[in-house]
């Protein structure tokens, strides 16, 4: 599928989209590509805290590989 066809498919999808959260997310993505604006500033405090917790887990080596998780859950 060419870029023009994909764009038309996305336009059609967007015109029918009712999910406010998805619309806001797409706006953030669009704005992040067109400006020097730091996307971090658009995150909620809960989102920032979650990312910071994840980074601390990585630093403390409290992580599991993808294969370990798949194995644990029989995937």
Protein backbone atom coordinates (compact mmCIF):
# COMPACT_ATOMS: atom_id res chain seq x y z
CA UNK A 1 0.00 0.00 0.00
CA UNK A 2 1.46 3.37 -1.02
CA UNK A 3 1.80 6.43 1.20
CA UNK A 4 -1.14 8.20 -0.42
CA UNK A 5 -3.45 5.25 0.19
CA UNK A 6 -2.30 4.98 3.80
CA UNK A 7 -2.88 8.71 4.32
CA UNK A 8 -6.41 8.45 2.94
CA UNK A 9 -7.11 5.44 5.17
CA UNK A 10 -5.87 7.39 8.20
CA UNK A 11 -7.93 10.45 7.28
CA UNK A 12 -11.06 8.32 7.02
CA UNK A 13 -10.28 6.67 10.37
CA UNK A 14 -9.62 10.03 12.05
CA UNK A 15 -12.93 11.49 10.88
CA UNK A 16 -14.75 8.67 12.67
CA UNK A 17 -12.58 8.60 15.78
CA UNK A 18 -14.44 9.42 19.02
CA UNK A 19 -11.82 8.40 21.61
CA UNK A 20 -10.57 11.62 23.27
CA UNK A 21 -7.49 9.93 24.72
CA UNK A 22 -6.36 8.68 21.31
CA UNK A 23 -7.04 12.07 19.73
CA UNK A 24 -4.95 13.81 22.40
CA UNK A 25 -2.15 11.26 21.95
CA UNK A 26 -2.13 11.79 18.18
CA UNK A 27 -2.00 15.56 18.71
CA UNK A 28 1.05 15.14 20.94
CA UNK A 29 2.73 12.95 18.33
CA UNK A 30 1.99 15.49 15.58
CA UNK A 31 3.25 18.41 17.64
CA UNK A 32 6.40 16.57 18.68
CA UNK A 33 7.35 16.07 15.02
CA UNK A 34 6.78 19.70 14.03
CA UNK A 35 8.42 21.65 16.87
CA UNK A 36 11.34 21.65 19.23
CA UNK A 37 8.84 21.14 22.06
CA UNK A 38 9.84 18.49 24.60
CA UNK A 39 7.13 15.81 24.79
CA UNK A 40 8.04 15.21 28.45
CA UNK A 41 6.24 18.44 29.34
CA UNK A 42 2.99 17.07 27.88
CA UNK A 43 2.95 14.04 30.19
CA UNK A 44 0.86 13.90 33.35
CA UNK A 45 2.60 13.65 36.71
CA UNK A 46 1.51 9.99 36.99
CA UNK A 47 3.03 9.21 33.58
CA UNK A 48 6.29 10.93 34.54
CA UNK A 49 6.44 9.06 37.85
CA UNK A 50 5.81 5.75 36.07
CA UNK A 51 8.67 6.37 33.65
CA UNK A 52 10.96 7.42 36.49
CA UNK A 53 10.08 4.24 38.43
CA UNK A 54 10.88 2.18 35.35
CA UNK A 55 14.24 3.88 34.92
CA UNK A 56 15.09 3.26 38.59
CA UNK A 57 14.14 -0.41 38.14
CA UNK A 58 16.52 -0.63 35.20
CA UNK A 59 19.33 0.98 37.20
CA UNK A 60 18.71 -1.43 40.10
CA UNK A 61 18.57 -4.37 37.66
CA UNK A 62 14.97 -5.18 38.67
CA UNK A 63 14.07 -6.21 35.14
CA UNK A 64 13.19 -9.37 33.24
CA UNK A 65 13.97 -10.21 29.64
CA UNK A 66 11.20 -10.69 27.14
CA UNK A 67 12.03 -14.41 26.97
CA UNK A 68 11.83 -14.75 30.78
CA UNK A 69 8.34 -13.21 30.85
CA UNK A 70 7.16 -15.38 27.95
CA UNK A 71 8.49 -18.47 29.69
CA UNK A 72 6.85 -17.56 32.99
CA UNK A 73 3.44 -17.18 31.35
CA UNK A 74 3.81 -20.09 28.98
CA UNK A 75 3.94 -18.01 25.82
